[in-house]
Amino acid sequence: MKPHDSVPLTVKIMGREYQVACPKEERDLLLASARYLDDRMIAIRKRSAGLGIERIAVMAALNMAREMHQAGQSSEADLSQSVDFALDGNLDDGDDDRAHQMQLRIDSELEAD
């Protein structure tokens, strides 16, 4: 089996089983993601009785997308603050490598955009 070959997997979300396929090396991540989605959807169902599964799924997806967006903004802000700190000359010898790694990460992110 090649590293990126898909394997079948059953995930359970809101009591329903779904057959999916994923790369073998991503199996654990997909299972954890399915559990997280299940938890989020069950919490929405408890707060908003009477909603259909499709609406619950959309609400969960929007909430999770917002969380990811906020986490990305937070990471960017933390990175920017660390770089500002480094550029202000507040580094000691132990921080030089960290600053170099941050610069490489910034360069990589800028190239990706």
C-alpha atoms as a PDB file:
ATOM      1  CA  MET A   1       0.000   0.000   0.000  1.00  0.00           C
ATOM      2  CA  LYS A   2       1.338   3.422  -0.952  1.00  0.00           C
ATOM      3  CA  PRO A   3       1.544   6.107   1.781  1.00  0.00           C
ATOM      4  CA  HIS A   4      -1.316   8.136   0.301  1.00  0.00           C
ATOM      5  CA  ASP A   5      -3.630   5.236  -0.530  1.00  0.00           C
ATOM      6  CA  SER A   6      -7.077   5.646   0.972  1.00  0.00           C
ATOM      7  CA  VAL A   7      -8.483   3.292   3.559  1.00  0.00           C
ATOM      8  CA  PRO A   8     -12.175   2.927   4.444  1.00  0.00           C
ATOM      9  CA  LEU A   9     -13.274   4.324   7.772  1.00  0.00           C
ATOM     10  CA  THR A  10     -16.577   4.537   9.624  1.00  0.00           C
ATOM     11  CA  VAL A  11     -17.302   7.673  11.631  1.00  0.00           C
ATOM     12  CA  LYS A  12     -20.322   8.248  13.823  1.00  0.00           C
ATOM     13  CA  ILE A  13     -21.900  11.692  13.949  1.00  0.00           C
ATOM     14  CA  MET A  14     -25.105  12.367  15.884  1.00  0.00           C
ATOM     15  CA  GLY A  15     -25.818   8.658  16.103  1.00  0.00           C
ATOM     16  CA  ARG A  16     -25.463   8.054  12.375  1.00  0.00           C
ATOM     17  CA  GLU A  17     -22.633   6.100  10.805  1.00  0.00           C
ATOM     18  CA  TYR A  18     -20.892   7.414   7.717  1.00  0.00           C
ATOM     19  CA  GLN A  19     -18.453   5.506   5.536  1.00  0.00           C
ATOM     20  CA  VAL A  20     -15.562   7.661   4.381  1.00  0.00           C
ATOM     21  CA  ALA A  21     -12.131   7.107   2.911  1.00  0.00           C
ATOM     22  CA  CYS A  22      -8.952   8.817   3.976  1.00  0.00           C
ATOM     23  CA  PRO A  23      -5.196   8.403   3.613  1.00  0.00           C
ATOM     24  CA  LYS A  24      -3.939   5.842   6.104  1.00  0.00           C
ATOM     25  CA  GLU A  25      -1.630   8.374   7.775  1.00  0.00           C
ATOM     26  CA  GLU A  26      -4.588  10.726   8.419  1.00  0.00           C
ATOM     27  CA  ARG A  27      -6.862   8.139  10.048  1.00  0.00           C
ATOM     28  CA  ASP A  28      -6.388   9.309  13.640  1.00  0.00           C
ATOM     29  CA  LEU A  29      -6.794  12.954  12.675  1.00  0.00           C
ATOM     30  CA  LEU A  30     -10.021  12.201  10.816  1.00  0.00           C
ATOM     31  CA  LEU A  31     -11.404  10.228  13.769  1.00  0.00           C
ATOM     32  CA  ALA A  32     -10.566  13.087  16.144  1.00  0.00           C
ATOM     33  CA  SER A  33     -12.148  15.570  13.733  1.00  0.00           C
ATOM     34  CA  ALA A  34     -15.313  13.471  13.525  1.00  0.00           C
ATOM     35  CA  ARG A  35     -15.533  13.309  17.335  1.00  0.00           C
ATOM     36  CA  TYR A  36     -15.093  17.079  17.523  1.00  0.00           C
ATOM     37  CA  LEU A  37     -17.796  17.633  14.900  1.00  0.00           C
ATOM     38  CA  ASP A  38     -20.095  15.197  16.698  1.00  0.00           C
ATOM     39  CA  ASP A  39     -19.606  17.041  19.999  1.00  0.00           C
ATOM     40  CA  ARG A  40     -20.296  20.404  18.351  1.00  0.00           C
ATOM     41  CA  MET A  41     -23.418  19.187  16.559  1.00  0.00           C
ATOM     42  CA  ILE A  42     -24.822  17.547  19.694  1.00  0.00           C
ATOM     43  CA  ALA A  43     -24.243  20.760  21.665  1.00  0.00           C
ATOM     44  CA  ILE A  44     -26.108  22.769  19.007  1.00  0.00           C
ATOM     45  CA  ARG A  45     -28.979  20.262  18.989  1.00  0.00           C
ATOM     46  CA  LYS A  46     -29.286  20.546  22.792  1.00  0.00           C
ATOM     47  CA  ARG A  47     -29.360  24.366  22.648  1.00  0.00           C
ATOM     48  CA  SER A  48     -31.701  24.591  19.671  1.00  0.00           C
ATOM     49  CA  ALA A  49     -34.300  21.861  19.883  1.00  0.00           C
ATOM     50  CA  GLY A  50     -36.251  21.230  16.720  1.00  0.00           C
ATOM     51  CA  LEU A  51     -33.536  22.036  14.205  1.00  0.00           C
ATOM     52  CA  GLY A  52     -32.963  19.587  11.390  1.00  0.00           C
ATOM     53  CA  ILE A  53     -29.646  17.828  10.957  1.00  0.00           C
ATOM     54  CA  GLU A  54     -28.784  19.889   7.864  1.00  0.00           C
ATOM     55  CA  ARG A  55     -29.187  23.184   9.730  1.00  0.00           C
ATOM     56  CA  ILE A  56     -27.235  21.809  12.702  1.00  0.00           C
ATOM     57  CA  ALA A  57     -24.430  20.754  10.335  1.00  0.00           C
ATOM     58  CA  VAL A  58     -24.326  24.212   8.718  1.00  0.00           C
ATOM     59  CA  MET A  59     -24.250  25.939  12.115  1.00  0.00           C
ATOM     60  CA  ALA A  60     -21.452  23.641  13.311  1.00  0.00           C
ATOM     61  CA  ALA A  61     -19.485  24.236  10.102  1.00  0.00           C
ATOM     62  CA  LEU A  62     -19.850  28.015  10.436  1.00  0.00           C
ATOM     63  CA  ASN A  63     -18.801  27.938  14.093  1.00  0.00           C
ATOM     64  CA  MET A  64     -15.777  25.778  13.320  1.00  0.00           C
ATOM     65  CA  ALA A  65     -14.792  27.972  10.353  1.00  0.00           C
ATOM     66  CA  ARG A  66     -14.995  31.035  12.619  1.00  0.00           C
ATOM     67  CA  GLU A  67     -12.789  29.295  15.198  1.00  0.00           C
ATOM     68  CA  MET A  68     -10.219  28.441  12.535  1.00  0.00           C
ATOM     69  CA  HIS A  69     -10.261  31.994  11.207  1.00  0.00           C
ATOM     70  CA  GLN A  70      -9.813  33.431  14.708  1.00  0.00           C
ATOM     71  CA  ALA A  71      -7.011  30.979  15.449  1.00  0.00           C
ATOM     72  CA  GLY A  72      -5.274  32.003  12.236  1.00  0.00           C
ATOM     73  CA  GLN A  73      -5.591  35.680  13.104  1.00  0.00           C
ATOM     74  CA  SER A  74      -4.323  35.003  16.613  1.00  0.00           C
ATOM     75  CA  SER A  75      -1.323  33.095  15.256  1.00  0.00           C
ATOM     76  CA  GLU A  76      -0.547  35.917  12.836  1.00  0.00           C
ATOM     77  CA  ALA A  77      -0.819  38.490  15.640  1.00  0.00           C
ATOM     78  CA  ASP A  78       1.418  36.429  17.948  1.00  0.00           C
ATOM     79  CA  LEU A  79       3.965  35.989  15.178  1.00  0.00           C
ATOM     80  CA  SER A  80       3.916  39.693  14.347  1.00  0.00           C
ATOM     81  CA  GLN A  81       4.354  40.618  18.010  1.00  0.00           C
ATOM     82  CA  SER A  82       7.297  38.215  18.353  1.00  0.00           C
ATOM     83  CA  VAL A  83       8.952  39.641  15.258  1.00  0.00           C
ATOM     84  CA  ASP A  84       8.442  43.208  16.511  1.00  0.00           C
ATOM     85  CA  PHE A  85      10.004  42.195  19.817  1.00  0.00           C
ATOM     86  CA  ALA A  86      12.967  40.648  18.019  1.00  0.00           C
ATOM     87  CA  LEU A  87      13.455  43.644  15.751  1.00  0.00           C
ATOM     88  CA  ASP A  88      13.517  45.963  18.757  1.00  0.00           C
ATOM     89  CA  GLY A  89      16.762  44.274  19.835  1.00  0.00           C
ATOM     90  CA  ASN A  90      15.267  42.431  22.789  1.00  0.00           C
ATOM     91  CA  LEU A  91      16.936  39.120  21.986  1.00  0.00           C
ATOM     92  CA  ASP A  92      19.438  37.277  24.079  1.00  0.00           C
ATOM     93  CA  ASP A  93      21.749  34.609  22.686  1.00  0.00           C
ATOM     94  CA  GLY A  94      19.199  31.835  23.226  1.00  0.00           C
ATOM     95  CA  ASP A  95      16.588  33.658  21.166  1.00  0.00           C
ATOM     96  CA  ASP A  96      18.679  34.049  18.012  1.00  0.00           C
ATOM     97  CA  ASP A  97      17.691  30.640  16.643  1.00  0.00           C
ATOM     98  CA  ARG A  98      14.026  31.246  17.484  1.00  0.00           C
ATOM     99  CA  ALA A  99      14.109  34.568  15.640  1.00  0.00           C
ATOM    100  CA  HIS A 100      15.729  32.885  12.650  1.00  0.00           C
ATOM    101  CA  GLN A 101      13.042  30.195  12.640  1.00  0.00           C
ATOM    102  CA  MET A 102      10.327  32.854  12.822  1.00  0.00           C
ATOM    103  CA  GLN A 103      11.856  34.687   9.878  1.00  0.00           C
ATOM    104  CA  LEU A 104      11.898  31.461   7.859  1.00  0.00           C
ATOM    105  CA  ARG A 105       8.254  30.878   8.758  1.00  0.00           C
ATOM    106  CA  ILE A 106       7.316  34.425   7.751  1.00  0.00           C
ATOM    107  CA  ASP A 107       9.138  34.057   4.447  1.00  0.00           C
ATOM    108  CA  SER A 108       7.396  30.745   3.824  1.00  0.00           C
ATOM    109  CA  GLU A 109       3.958  32.229   4.572  1.00  0.00           C
ATOM    110  CA  LEU A 110       4.609  35.206   2.308  1.00  0.00           C
ATOM    111  CA  GLU A 111       5.667  32.913  -0.530  1.00  0.00           C
ATOM    112  CA  ALA A 112       2.501  30.825  -0.063  1.00  0.00           C
ATOM    113  CA  ASP A 113       0.282  33.890  -0.493  1.00  0.00           C
END
